[in-house]
Amino acid sequence: MASLLGEQLFEISRQGPPPPKDFFQLVNTKNEVILRSWRISLQLNCRGAPPKELRTSHLEFLHHKVLQQQIGTVFGQRILEYTISLCQGKFDYLERLPDNLMLCIMSYLKLKETTLLAQVSHRFRKLCNSEKFWEHTVRNRCAGFTSDMEGIANAMGWRKTFFTFFNTSGRKEQSVDNLKGSRTDRPLSSSLSRQFPLMMENSKSGG
């Protein structure tokens, strides 16, 4: 699992609170916490000035209350707590898995479980709404899907294909965050049977 950890564990940039509104960057590597700041000012002597930089080891950071307070003020309590966790060796390995491996793991979840997963972080939300995820969902969970539908699915998008033809809730297209159903295994509806040949004919004729 250690191979999943790169040299840089975490990085975030943000403008500090007023009145100065200086710009800050926080970097957490495998060995250090680095805080850089750029002075934002109209004064001539501040133009082109290099950033200030403070480096501490993980152990030093855990006892550096002033630095912790500064990071909490600039980046918020959640980022401070996450930085402390990294310095304590508490790594989120699941968050660091490659996308293709995460999508493979997600394929074993029910759709209603991916609803919860999408709320965990920005990355999981992005994966749960990705075309790759919905392509796998349509190909492996929708019994009515046939190879003849692949062209139209590629054209209109796999996510839209699922919500147009296979969504059992009957609601309009929505994000996975609002999806309430589980496994989708019903056959093609009668409406799809009527619509699909016409859509394929239009796609071939360029209409």
N, C-alpha and C. Protein backbone atom coordinates (compact mmCIF):
# COMPACT_ATOMS: atom_id res chain seq x y z
N MET A 1 0.81 -1.21 0.00
CA MET A 1 0.00 0.00 0.00
C MET A 1 0.85 1.26 0.00
N ALA A 2 2.06 1.16 0.51
CA ALA A 2 2.93 2.33 0.58
C ALA A 2 3.24 2.86 -0.82
N SER A 3 3.18 1.99 -1.83
CA SER A 3 3.48 2.43 -3.19
C SER A 3 2.44 3.41 -3.72
N LEU A 4 1.26 3.48 -3.09
CA LEU A 4 0.22 4.42 -3.50
C LEU A 4 0.54 5.83 -3.08
N LEU A 5 1.47 5.99 -2.14
CA LEU A 5 1.80 7.30 -1.63
C LEU A 5 2.90 7.94 -2.48
N GLY A 6 2.59 9.04 -3.11
CA GLY A 6 3.59 9.79 -3.84
C GLY A 6 4.39 10.66 -2.87
N GLU A 7 5.35 11.38 -3.40
CA GLU A 7 6.16 12.27 -2.56
C GLU A 7 5.28 13.36 -1.96
N GLN A 8 4.33 13.86 -2.75
CA GLN A 8 3.41 14.89 -2.26
C GLN A 8 2.08 14.26 -1.89
N LEU A 9 1.68 14.39 -0.63
CA LEU A 9 0.45 13.78 -0.15
C LEU A 9 -0.77 14.66 -0.37
N PHE A 10 -0.56 15.98 -0.28
CA PHE A 10 -1.70 16.88 -0.32
C PHE A 10 -1.21 18.29 -0.65
N GLU A 11 -2.04 19.03 -1.40
CA GLU A 11 -1.70 20.41 -1.73
C GLU A 11 -2.98 21.21 -1.88
N ILE A 12 -2.98 22.42 -1.36
CA ILE A 12 -4.13 23.31 -1.50
C ILE A 12 -3.64 24.74 -1.50
N SER A 13 -4.30 25.58 -2.28
CA SER A 13 -3.95 27.00 -2.36
C SER A 13 -5.21 27.83 -2.11
N ARG A 14 -5.02 28.97 -1.46
CA ARG A 14 -6.18 29.80 -1.14
C ARG A 14 -5.72 31.21 -0.76
N GLN A 15 -6.58 32.17 -1.04
CA GLN A 15 -6.31 33.53 -0.59
C GLN A 15 -6.68 33.65 0.88
N GLY A 16 -5.83 34.31 1.64
CA GLY A 16 -6.06 34.45 3.06
C GLY A 16 -7.18 35.43 3.37
N PRO A 17 -7.60 35.48 4.61
CA PRO A 17 -8.69 36.37 5.01
C PRO A 17 -8.24 37.84 4.99
N PRO A 18 -9.17 38.78 4.85
CA PRO A 18 -8.81 40.20 4.88
C PRO A 18 -8.39 40.60 6.30
N PRO A 19 -7.68 41.73 6.44
CA PRO A 19 -7.53 42.74 5.39
C PRO A 19 -6.41 42.52 4.38
N PRO A 20 -5.29 41.80 4.71
CA PRO A 20 -4.21 41.75 3.71
C PRO A 20 -4.53 40.94 2.47
N LYS A 21 -5.31 39.85 2.61
CA LYS A 21 -5.66 38.99 1.48
C LYS A 21 -4.44 38.42 0.77
N ASP A 22 -3.43 38.05 1.53
CA ASP A 22 -2.26 37.40 0.94
C ASP A 22 -2.64 36.03 0.41
N PHE A 23 -1.83 35.49 -0.48
CA PHE A 23 -2.10 34.19 -1.10
C PHE A 23 -1.24 33.13 -0.42
N PHE A 24 -1.85 31.98 -0.11
CA PHE A 24 -1.17 30.93 0.62
C PHE A 24 -1.22 29.61 -0.13
N GLN A 25 -0.18 28.82 0.06
CA GLN A 25 -0.15 27.44 -0.47
C GLN A 25 0.32 26.51 0.65
N LEU A 26 -0.44 25.44 0.85
CA LEU A 26 -0.08 24.43 1.84
C LEU A 26 0.25 23.14 1.13
N VAL A 27 1.43 22.60 1.40
CA VAL A 27 1.87 21.35 0.79
C VAL A 27 2.28 20.38 1.90
N ASN A 28 1.74 19.18 1.82
CA ASN A 28 2.10 18.14 2.79
C ASN A 28 2.79 17.02 2.03
N THR A 29 4.09 16.85 2.26
CA THR A 29 4.84 15.78 1.62
C THR A 29 4.94 14.59 2.58
N LYS A 30 5.66 13.58 2.17
CA LYS A 30 5.82 12.39 3.02
C LYS A 30 6.61 12.69 4.28
N ASN A 31 7.37 13.81 4.27
CA ASN A 31 8.22 14.11 5.42
C ASN A 31 8.01 15.50 6.01
N GLU A 32 7.40 16.40 5.25
CA GLU A 32 7.33 17.79 5.69
C GLU A 32 5.95 18.40 5.49
N VAL A 33 5.70 19.47 6.24
CA VAL A 33 4.58 20.38 5.99
C VAL A 33 5.19 21.70 5.54
N ILE A 34 4.77 22.20 4.39
CA ILE A 34 5.33 23.41 3.81
C ILE A 34 4.22 24.44 3.64
N LEU A 35 4.42 25.61 4.22
CA LEU A 35 3.46 26.70 4.08
C LEU A 35 4.16 27.85 3.36
N ARG A 36 3.64 28.23 2.19
CA ARG A 36 4.18 29.36 1.44
C ARG A 36 3.14 30.47 1.40
N SER A 37 3.64 31.71 1.41
CA SER A 37 2.73 32.86 1.34
C SER A 37 3.31 33.93 0.42
N TRP A 38 2.41 34.55 -0.37
CA TRP A 38 2.78 35.63 -1.27
C TRP A 38 2.09 36.92 -0.80
N ARG A 39 2.83 37.95 -0.67
CA ARG A 39 2.28 39.23 -0.24
C ARG A 39 1.53 39.88 -1.39
N ILE A 40 0.27 40.22 -1.19
CA ILE A 40 -0.55 40.89 -2.20
C ILE A 40 -0.64 42.35 -1.80
N SER A 41 0.05 43.19 -2.57
CA SER A 41 0.09 44.61 -2.21
C SER A 41 0.38 45.44 -3.45
N LEU A 42 -0.11 46.69 -3.44
CA LEU A 42 0.16 47.63 -4.53
C LEU A 42 1.48 48.36 -4.33
N GLN A 43 2.12 48.17 -3.21
CA GLN A 43 3.37 48.85 -2.94
C GLN A 43 4.46 48.33 -3.88
N LEU A 44 5.28 49.26 -4.36
CA LEU A 44 6.32 48.91 -5.32
C LEU A 44 7.33 47.92 -4.75
N ASN A 45 7.64 48.05 -3.48
CA ASN A 45 8.65 47.17 -2.89
C ASN A 45 8.16 45.73 -2.72
N CYS A 46 6.88 45.49 -2.95
CA CYS A 46 6.33 44.13 -2.83
C CYS A 46 6.24 43.41 -4.17
N ARG A 47 6.41 44.17 -5.24
CA ARG A 47 6.31 43.56 -6.57
C ARG A 47 7.51 42.64 -6.85
N GLY A 48 7.23 41.44 -7.28
CA GLY A 48 8.29 40.49 -7.60
C GLY A 48 8.98 39.88 -6.40
N ALA A 49 8.45 40.16 -5.21
CA ALA A 49 9.07 39.61 -4.00
C ALA A 49 8.84 38.10 -3.95
N PRO A 50 9.83 37.33 -3.57
CA PRO A 50 9.66 35.87 -3.49
C PRO A 50 8.72 35.51 -2.34
N PRO A 51 8.10 34.36 -2.42
CA PRO A 51 7.19 33.96 -1.34
C PRO A 51 7.95 33.62 -0.07
N LYS A 52 7.28 33.80 1.04
CA LYS A 52 7.83 33.33 2.31
C LYS A 52 7.54 31.84 2.41
N GLU A 53 8.44 31.12 3.02
CA GLU A 53 8.27 29.66 3.11
C GLU A 53 8.66 29.17 4.49
N LEU A 54 7.80 28.35 5.04
CA LEU A 54 8.06 27.73 6.34
C LEU A 54 7.95 26.22 6.18
N ARG A 55 9.00 25.51 6.55
CA ARG A 55 9.03 24.05 6.45
C ARG A 55 9.19 23.45 7.84
N THR A 56 8.40 22.45 8.13
CA THR A 56 8.56 21.72 9.38
C THR A 56 8.40 20.23 9.11
N SER A 57 9.01 19.42 9.94
CA SER A 57 8.78 17.97 9.84
C SER A 57 7.39 17.67 10.38
N HIS A 58 6.90 16.47 10.10
CA HIS A 58 5.58 16.08 10.61
C HIS A 58 5.53 16.16 12.13
N LEU A 59 6.57 15.69 12.79
CA LEU A 59 6.60 15.69 14.24
C LEU A 59 6.61 17.11 14.78
N GLU A 60 7.40 17.98 14.16
CA GLU A 60 7.44 19.37 14.59
C GLU A 60 6.09 20.05 14.41
N PHE A 61 5.41 19.74 13.31
CA PHE A 61 4.11 20.36 13.04
C PHE A 61 3.09 20.00 14.12
N LEU A 62 3.13 18.76 14.58
CA LEU A 62 2.16 18.32 15.60
C LEU A 62 2.30 19.10 16.90
N HIS A 63 3.43 19.74 17.11
CA HIS A 63 3.65 20.52 18.33
C HIS A 63 3.73 22.02 18.06
N HIS A 64 3.54 22.41 16.80
CA HIS A 64 3.66 23.82 16.40
C HIS A 64 2.26 24.45 16.41
N LYS A 65 1.82 24.90 17.58
CA LYS A 65 0.47 25.41 17.74
C LYS A 65 0.23 26.69 16.93
N VAL A 66 1.25 27.54 16.82
CA VAL A 66 1.09 28.79 16.07
C VAL A 66 0.85 28.50 14.60
N LEU A 67 1.63 27.58 14.03
CA LEU A 67 1.45 27.21 12.63
C LEU A 67 0.10 26.54 12.41
N GLN A 68 -0.31 25.69 13.32
CA GLN A 68 -1.62 25.05 13.22
C GLN A 68 -2.73 26.10 13.22
N GLN A 69 -2.60 27.09 14.07
CA GLN A 69 -3.61 28.14 14.15
C GLN A 69 -3.67 28.94 12.85
N GLN A 70 -2.50 29.22 12.26
CA GLN A 70 -2.46 29.96 11.00
C GLN A 70 -3.11 29.16 9.88
N ILE A 71 -2.81 27.87 9.81
CA ILE A 71 -3.42 27.03 8.77
C ILE A 71 -4.93 26.93 8.97
N GLY A 72 -5.37 26.83 10.22
CA GLY A 72 -6.80 26.79 10.49
C GLY A 72 -7.49 28.08 10.09
N THR A 73 -6.83 29.21 10.29
CA THR A 73 -7.41 30.51 9.94
C THR A 73 -7.53 30.67 8.43
N VAL A 74 -6.49 30.25 7.71
CA VAL A 74 -6.47 30.44 6.25
C VAL A 74 -7.30 29.38 5.53
N PHE A 75 -7.14 28.11 5.90
CA PHE A 75 -7.74 27.02 5.14
C PHE A 75 -8.95 26.38 5.81
N GLY A 76 -9.18 26.70 7.07
CA GLY A 76 -10.33 26.13 7.75
C GLY A 76 -9.98 24.94 8.63
N GLN A 77 -10.88 24.62 9.54
CA GLN A 77 -10.64 23.57 10.52
C GLN A 77 -10.53 22.18 9.89
N ARG A 78 -11.31 21.94 8.84
CA ARG A 78 -11.29 20.62 8.20
C ARG A 78 -9.94 20.33 7.59
N ILE A 79 -9.34 21.32 6.91
CA ILE A 79 -8.03 21.14 6.30
C ILE A 79 -6.96 20.97 7.38
N LEU A 80 -7.10 21.70 8.47
CA LEU A 80 -6.15 21.55 9.57
C LEU A 80 -6.20 20.14 10.14
N GLU A 81 -7.38 19.63 10.38
CA GLU A 81 -7.53 18.28 10.92
C GLU A 81 -6.98 17.23 9.95
N TYR A 82 -7.20 17.45 8.65
CA TYR A 82 -6.67 16.51 7.66
C TYR A 82 -5.14 16.54 7.63
N THR A 83 -4.57 17.73 7.74
CA THR A 83 -3.11 17.87 7.77
C THR A 83 -2.52 17.17 8.99
N ILE A 84 -3.17 17.34 10.13
CA ILE A 84 -2.72 16.67 11.35
C ILE A 84 -2.79 15.15 11.18
N SER A 85 -3.86 14.66 10.57
CA SER A 85 -4.01 13.22 10.34
C SER A 85 -2.89 12.67 9.46
N LEU A 86 -2.53 13.41 8.41
CA LEU A 86 -1.44 12.98 7.54
C LEU A 86 -0.12 12.94 8.30
N CYS A 87 0.10 13.94 9.15
CA CYS A 87 1.33 13.97 9.95
C CYS A 87 1.37 12.83 10.97
N GLN A 88 0.23 12.32 11.35
CA GLN A 88 0.15 11.19 12.28
C GLN A 88 0.19 9.85 11.55
N GLY A 89 0.35 9.89 10.23
CA GLY A 89 0.45 8.65 9.46
C GLY A 89 -0.89 8.02 9.13
N LYS A 90 -1.97 8.77 9.25
CA LYS A 90 -3.31 8.26 8.95
C LYS A 90 -3.64 8.60 7.50
N PHE A 91 -3.28 7.69 6.59
CA PHE A 91 -3.45 7.93 5.17
C PHE A 91 -4.75 7.31 4.66
N ASP A 92 -5.42 8.01 3.76
CA ASP A 92 -6.63 7.50 3.13
C ASP A 92 -6.23 6.79 1.84
N TYR A 93 -5.93 5.49 1.96
CA TYR A 93 -5.45 4.74 0.80
C TYR A 93 -6.54 4.59 -0.27
N LEU A 94 -7.79 4.46 0.15
CA LEU A 94 -8.86 4.28 -0.82
C LEU A 94 -8.95 5.49 -1.74
N GLU A 95 -8.78 6.66 -1.19
CA GLU A 95 -8.84 7.90 -1.98
C GLU A 95 -7.71 7.96 -3.00
N ARG A 96 -6.62 7.23 -2.75
CA ARG A 96 -5.44 7.31 -3.60
C ARG A 96 -5.37 6.21 -4.66
N LEU A 97 -6.34 5.32 -4.69
CA LEU A 97 -6.34 4.26 -5.71
C LEU A 97 -6.54 4.86 -7.10
N PRO A 98 -5.92 4.27 -8.13
CA PRO A 98 -6.13 4.75 -9.51
C PRO A 98 -7.60 4.65 -9.90
N ASP A 99 -8.02 5.49 -10.84
CA ASP A 99 -9.43 5.53 -11.25
C ASP A 99 -9.92 4.19 -11.76
N ASN A 100 -9.11 3.51 -12.58
CA ASN A 100 -9.57 2.25 -13.16
C ASN A 100 -9.81 1.19 -12.09
N LEU A 101 -8.98 1.20 -11.03
CA LEU A 101 -9.16 0.25 -9.94
C LEU A 101 -10.38 0.62 -9.09
N MET A 102 -10.59 1.93 -8.89
CA MET A 102 -11.76 2.37 -8.14
C MET A 102 -13.04 2.01 -8.88
N LEU A 103 -13.05 2.19 -10.20
CA LEU A 103 -14.24 1.85 -10.99
C LEU A 103 -14.53 0.35 -10.93
N CYS A 104 -13.46 -0.45 -10.88
CA CYS A 104 -13.64 -1.91 -10.75
C CYS A 104 -14.29 -2.25 -9.41
N ILE A 105 -13.83 -1.60 -8.35
CA ILE A 105 -14.41 -1.83 -7.02
C ILE A 105 -15.86 -1.37 -6.99
N MET A 106 -16.12 -0.22 -7.60
CA MET A 106 -17.48 0.35 -7.60
C MET A 106 -18.46 -0.55 -8.34
N SER A 107 -17.95 -1.37 -9.27
CA SER A 107 -18.84 -2.23 -10.04
C SER A 107 -19.52 -3.28 -9.16
N TYR A 108 -18.99 -3.52 -7.96
CA TYR A 108 -19.58 -4.50 -7.05
C TYR A 108 -20.63 -3.86 -6.13
N LEU A 109 -20.77 -2.54 -6.21
CA LEU A 109 -21.74 -1.85 -5.36
C LEU A 109 -23.09 -1.77 -6.05
N LYS A 110 -24.13 -1.74 -5.25
CA LYS A 110 -25.45 -1.44 -5.79
C LYS A 110 -25.51 0.05 -6.10
N LEU A 111 -26.38 0.43 -7.02
CA LEU A 111 -26.45 1.84 -7.41
C LEU A 111 -26.81 2.74 -6.24
N LYS A 112 -27.66 2.25 -5.35
CA LYS A 112 -28.02 3.08 -4.20
C LYS A 112 -26.82 3.26 -3.26
N GLU A 113 -25.87 2.33 -3.31
CA GLU A 113 -24.67 2.47 -2.49
C GLU A 113 -23.71 3.48 -3.10
N THR A 114 -23.70 3.59 -4.43
CA THR A 114 -22.86 4.61 -5.06
C THR A 114 -23.41 6.01 -4.77
N THR A 115 -24.69 6.10 -4.46
CA THR A 115 -25.27 7.38 -4.04
C THR A 115 -24.56 7.89 -2.79
N LEU A 116 -24.33 7.00 -1.85
CA LEU A 116 -23.63 7.36 -0.62
C LEU A 116 -22.16 7.64 -0.90
N LEU A 117 -21.55 6.83 -1.77
CA LEU A 117 -20.14 7.01 -2.10
C LEU A 117 -19.89 8.37 -2.72
N ALA A 118 -20.82 8.84 -3.54
CA ALA A 118 -20.66 10.12 -4.23
C ALA A 118 -20.63 11.29 -3.26
N GLN A 119 -21.12 11.08 -2.05
CA GLN A 119 -21.15 12.15 -1.06
C GLN A 119 -19.88 12.21 -0.21
N VAL A 120 -18.97 11.25 -0.42
CA VAL A 120 -17.77 11.17 0.42
C VAL A 120 -16.77 12.26 0.08
N SER A 121 -16.52 12.47 -1.21
CA SER A 121 -15.52 13.45 -1.62
C SER A 121 -15.79 13.89 -3.05
N HIS A 122 -15.10 14.95 -3.45
CA HIS A 122 -15.25 15.46 -4.82
C HIS A 122 -14.81 14.41 -5.82
N ARG A 123 -13.75 13.68 -5.51
CA ARG A 123 -13.25 12.67 -6.45
C ARG A 123 -14.26 11.55 -6.66
N PHE A 124 -14.85 11.04 -5.56
CA PHE A 124 -15.83 9.97 -5.70
C PHE A 124 -17.09 10.46 -6.42
N ARG A 125 -17.46 11.69 -6.17
CA ARG A 125 -18.62 12.25 -6.88
C ARG A 125 -18.36 12.29 -8.38
N LYS A 126 -17.13 12.70 -8.75
CA LYS A 126 -16.75 12.77 -10.16
C LYS A 126 -16.76 11.38 -10.79
N LEU A 127 -16.22 10.38 -10.06
CA LEU A 127 -16.19 9.02 -10.58
C LEU A 127 -17.60 8.45 -10.75
N CYS A 128 -18.46 8.71 -9.77
CA CYS A 128 -19.82 8.17 -9.82
C CYS A 128 -20.66 8.80 -10.93
N ASN A 129 -20.25 9.95 -11.41
CA ASN A 129 -20.96 10.60 -12.51
C ASN A 129 -20.19 10.53 -13.82
N SER A 130 -19.11 9.75 -13.86
CA SER A 130 -18.29 9.66 -15.06
C SER A 130 -18.95 8.76 -16.11
N GLU A 131 -18.60 9.01 -17.36
CA GLU A 131 -19.11 8.20 -18.46
C GLU A 131 -18.64 6.75 -18.35
N LYS A 132 -17.42 6.54 -17.87
CA LYS A 132 -16.91 5.18 -17.72
C LYS A 132 -17.77 4.38 -16.74
N PHE A 133 -18.15 5.02 -15.63
CA PHE A 133 -18.99 4.33 -14.66
C PHE A 133 -20.35 3.97 -15.26
N TRP A 134 -20.95 4.92 -15.98
CA TRP A 134 -22.28 4.67 -16.53
C TRP A 134 -22.24 3.70 -17.70
N GLU A 135 -21.13 3.69 -18.45
CA GLU A 135 -20.99 2.69 -19.51
C GLU A 135 -20.97 1.29 -18.90
N HIS A 136 -20.19 1.12 -17.83
CA HIS A 136 -20.13 -0.18 -17.17
C HIS A 136 -21.50 -0.55 -16.62
N THR A 137 -22.21 0.43 -16.06
CA THR A 137 -23.54 0.18 -15.49
C THR A 137 -24.50 -0.30 -16.56
N VAL A 138 -24.52 0.39 -17.70
CA VAL A 138 -25.45 0.02 -18.77
C VAL A 138 -25.09 -1.35 -19.36
N ARG A 139 -23.81 -1.58 -19.61
CA ARG A 139 -23.38 -2.83 -20.23
C ARG A 139 -23.63 -4.04 -19.33
N ASN A 140 -23.46 -3.89 -18.03
CA ASN A 140 -23.48 -5.04 -17.14
C ASN A 140 -24.71 -5.15 -16.25
N ARG A 141 -25.50 -4.09 -16.16
CA ARG A 141 -26.66 -4.14 -15.25
C ARG A 141 -28.00 -3.97 -15.96
N CYS A 142 -27.99 -3.60 -17.22
CA CYS A 142 -29.24 -3.35 -17.93
C CYS A 142 -29.49 -4.49 -18.92
N ALA A 143 -30.42 -5.35 -18.57
CA ALA A 143 -30.66 -6.56 -19.36
C ALA A 143 -31.12 -6.25 -20.77
N GLY A 144 -31.76 -5.09 -20.97
CA GLY A 144 -32.27 -4.75 -22.29
C GLY A 144 -31.23 -4.18 -23.24
N PHE A 145 -30.01 -3.97 -22.76
CA PHE A 145 -28.97 -3.38 -23.62
C PHE A 145 -28.45 -4.41 -24.61
N THR A 146 -28.35 -4.01 -25.88
CA THR A 146 -27.81 -4.87 -26.93
C THR A 146 -26.68 -4.14 -27.65
N SER A 147 -25.92 -4.88 -28.42
CA SER A 147 -24.80 -4.29 -29.16
C SER A 147 -25.27 -3.25 -30.16
N ASP A 148 -26.52 -3.38 -30.63
CA ASP A 148 -27.07 -2.41 -31.58
C ASP A 148 -27.21 -1.02 -30.96
N MET A 149 -27.28 -0.97 -29.63
CA MET A 149 -27.48 0.31 -28.95
C MET A 149 -26.17 1.04 -28.68
N GLU A 150 -25.03 0.39 -28.94
CA GLU A 150 -23.75 0.97 -28.58
C GLU A 150 -23.48 2.29 -29.29
N GLY A 151 -23.86 2.36 -30.57
CA GLY A 151 -23.63 3.58 -31.34
C GLY A 151 -24.37 4.77 -30.78
N ILE A 152 -25.64 4.57 -30.47
CA ILE A 152 -26.44 5.68 -29.94
C ILE A 152 -25.99 6.04 -28.53
N ALA A 153 -25.53 5.03 -27.76
CA ALA A 153 -25.05 5.31 -26.41
C ALA A 153 -23.78 6.15 -26.44
N ASN A 154 -22.90 5.85 -27.40
CA ASN A 154 -21.69 6.64 -27.54
C ASN A 154 -22.00 8.06 -28.00
N ALA A 155 -23.05 8.19 -28.82
CA ALA A 155 -23.41 9.50 -29.36
C ALA A 155 -24.08 10.38 -28.31
N MET A 156 -25.04 9.82 -27.58
CA MET A 156 -25.80 10.63 -26.63
C MET A 156 -25.23 10.59 -25.22
N GLY A 157 -24.26 9.69 -24.97
CA GLY A 157 -23.67 9.57 -23.63
C GLY A 157 -24.29 8.41 -22.86
N TRP A 158 -23.44 7.67 -22.14
CA TRP A 158 -23.91 6.48 -21.41
C TRP A 158 -24.79 6.85 -20.24
N ARG A 159 -24.47 7.91 -19.56
CA ARG A 159 -25.29 8.34 -18.42
C ARG A 159 -26.69 8.74 -18.88
N LYS A 160 -26.75 9.50 -19.97
CA LYS A 160 -28.05 9.91 -20.49
C LYS A 160 -28.81 8.71 -21.03
N THR A 161 -28.11 7.76 -21.62
CA THR A 161 -28.75 6.53 -22.10
C THR A 161 -29.42 5.78 -20.96
N PHE A 162 -28.71 5.68 -19.82
CA PHE A 162 -29.30 4.98 -18.68
C PHE A 162 -30.57 5.66 -18.20
N PHE A 163 -30.51 6.99 -18.00
CA PHE A 163 -31.67 7.69 -17.44
C PHE A 163 -32.80 7.82 -18.46
N THR A 164 -32.48 7.73 -19.75
CA THR A 164 -33.53 7.81 -20.76
C THR A 164 -34.28 6.49 -20.93
N PHE A 165 -33.53 5.38 -20.91
CA PHE A 165 -34.12 4.10 -21.27
C PHE A 165 -34.23 3.07 -20.14
N PHE A 166 -33.39 3.18 -19.12
CA PHE A 166 -33.33 2.10 -18.14
C PHE A 166 -33.64 2.53 -16.71
N ASN A 167 -33.89 3.79 -16.46
CA ASN A 167 -34.13 4.26 -15.11
C ASN A 167 -35.51 3.83 -14.65
N THR A 168 -35.57 2.92 -13.70
CA THR A 168 -36.85 2.36 -13.26
C THR A 168 -37.70 3.34 -12.49
N SER A 169 -37.10 4.45 -12.01
CA SER A 169 -37.87 5.40 -11.22
C SER A 169 -38.81 6.22 -12.09
N GLY A 170 -38.50 6.25 -13.41
CA GLY A 170 -39.36 7.00 -14.32
C GLY A 170 -39.15 8.49 -14.27
N ARG A 171 -38.15 8.93 -13.55
CA ARG A 171 -37.90 10.36 -13.46
C ARG A 171 -36.95 10.79 -14.56
N LYS A 172 -36.85 12.11 -14.75
CA LYS A 172 -35.95 12.65 -15.76
C LYS A 172 -34.52 12.46 -15.32
N GLU A 173 -33.60 12.75 -16.25
CA GLU A 173 -32.17 12.56 -15.98
C GLU A 173 -31.77 13.28 -14.71
N GLN A 174 -30.94 12.64 -13.91
CA GLN A 174 -30.50 13.19 -12.65
C GLN A 174 -29.10 12.69 -12.36
N SER A 175 -28.46 13.28 -11.37
CA SER A 175 -27.13 12.83 -10.98
C SER A 175 -27.25 11.61 -10.10
N VAL A 176 -26.13 10.89 -9.94
CA VAL A 176 -26.15 9.68 -9.12
C VAL A 176 -26.45 10.00 -7.66
N ASP A 177 -26.24 11.27 -7.25
CA ASP A 177 -26.48 11.64 -5.87
C ASP A 177 -27.96 11.52 -5.51
N ASN A 178 -28.85 11.61 -6.51
CA ASN A 178 -30.28 11.53 -6.25
C ASN A 178 -30.88 10.19 -6.62
N LEU A 179 -30.04 9.26 -7.07
CA LEU A 179 -30.53 7.96 -7.52
C LEU A 179 -30.96 7.11 -6.34
N LYS A 180 -32.19 6.61 -6.37
CA LYS A 180 -32.74 5.82 -5.27
C LYS A 180 -32.83 4.35 -5.60
N GLY A 181 -32.78 3.99 -6.90
CA GLY A 181 -32.95 2.60 -7.28
C GLY A 181 -31.72 1.77 -6.99
N SER A 182 -31.83 0.46 -7.15
CA SER A 182 -30.67 -0.42 -6.97
C SER A 182 -30.31 -1.01 -8.32
N ARG A 183 -30.17 -2.30 -8.39
CA ARG A 183 -29.77 -2.95 -9.64
C ARG A 183 -30.87 -2.81 -10.68
N THR A 184 -30.47 -2.42 -11.91
CA THR A 184 -31.43 -2.22 -12.99
C THR A 184 -31.33 -3.40 -13.94
N ASP A 185 -32.35 -4.27 -13.93
CA ASP A 185 -32.28 -5.47 -14.75
C ASP A 185 -33.57 -5.72 -15.51
N ARG A 186 -34.36 -4.65 -15.75
CA ARG A 186 -35.59 -4.87 -16.49
C ARG A 186 -35.30 -4.82 -17.99
N PRO A 187 -36.11 -5.48 -18.84
CA PRO A 187 -35.90 -5.45 -20.28
C PRO A 187 -36.27 -4.11 -20.87
N LEU A 188 -36.03 -3.96 -22.18
CA LEU A 188 -36.39 -2.73 -22.86
C LEU A 188 -37.88 -2.46 -22.74
N SER A 189 -38.21 -1.20 -22.45
CA SER A 189 -39.62 -0.84 -22.37
C SER A 189 -40.19 -0.77 -23.78
N SER A 190 -41.53 -0.77 -23.87
CA SER A 190 -42.16 -0.69 -25.19
C SER A 190 -41.85 0.63 -25.87
N SER A 191 -41.69 1.70 -25.05
CA SER A 191 -41.37 2.99 -25.65
C SER A 191 -39.99 2.97 -26.27
N LEU A 192 -39.03 2.30 -25.61
CA LEU A 192 -37.69 2.20 -26.16
C LEU A 192 -37.71 1.39 -27.45
N SER A 193 -38.51 0.33 -27.48
CA SER A 193 -38.61 -0.51 -28.67
C SER A 193 -39.07 0.31 -29.88
N ARG A 194 -39.93 1.32 -29.60
CA ARG A 194 -40.39 2.17 -30.69
C ARG A 194 -39.37 3.24 -31.04
N GLN A 195 -38.73 3.81 -30.02
CA GLN A 195 -37.84 4.94 -30.23
C GLN A 195 -36.50 4.53 -30.83
N PHE A 196 -35.94 3.42 -30.40
CA PHE A 196 -34.56 3.09 -30.74
C PHE A 196 -34.34 2.91 -32.24
N PRO A 197 -35.18 2.16 -32.97
CA PRO A 197 -34.95 2.03 -34.42
C PRO A 197 -34.95 3.37 -35.13
N LEU A 198 -35.86 4.27 -34.73
CA LEU A 198 -35.93 5.59 -35.36
C LEU A 198 -34.68 6.38 -35.06
N MET A 199 -34.19 6.32 -33.83
CA MET A 199 -32.99 7.05 -33.46
C MET A 199 -31.77 6.53 -34.21
N MET A 200 -31.67 5.21 -34.39
CA MET A 200 -30.57 4.63 -35.14
C MET A 200 -30.63 5.05 -36.59
N GLU A 201 -31.84 5.12 -37.17
CA GLU A 201 -31.99 5.52 -38.56
C GLU A 201 -31.59 6.98 -38.75
N ASN A 202 -31.95 7.83 -37.79
CA ASN A 202 -31.59 9.23 -37.85
C ASN A 202 -30.08 9.43 -37.72
N SER A 203 -29.46 8.62 -36.85
CA SER A 203 -28.02 8.75 -36.65
C SER A 203 -27.25 8.33 -37.90
N LYS A 204 -27.77 7.32 -38.64
CA LYS A 204 -27.10 6.86 -39.86
C LYS A 204 -27.24 7.87 -40.98
N SER A 205 -28.43 8.53 -41.03
CA SER A 205 -28.67 9.49 -42.11
C SER A 205 -28.13 10.86 -41.81
N GLY A 206 -27.62 11.03 -40.56
CA GLY A 206 -27.06 12.33 -40.17
C GLY A 206 -28.11 13.31 -39.74
N GLY A 207 -29.36 12.82 -39.55
CA GLY A 207 -30.44 13.70 -39.15
C GLY A 207 -30.50 13.84 -37.66
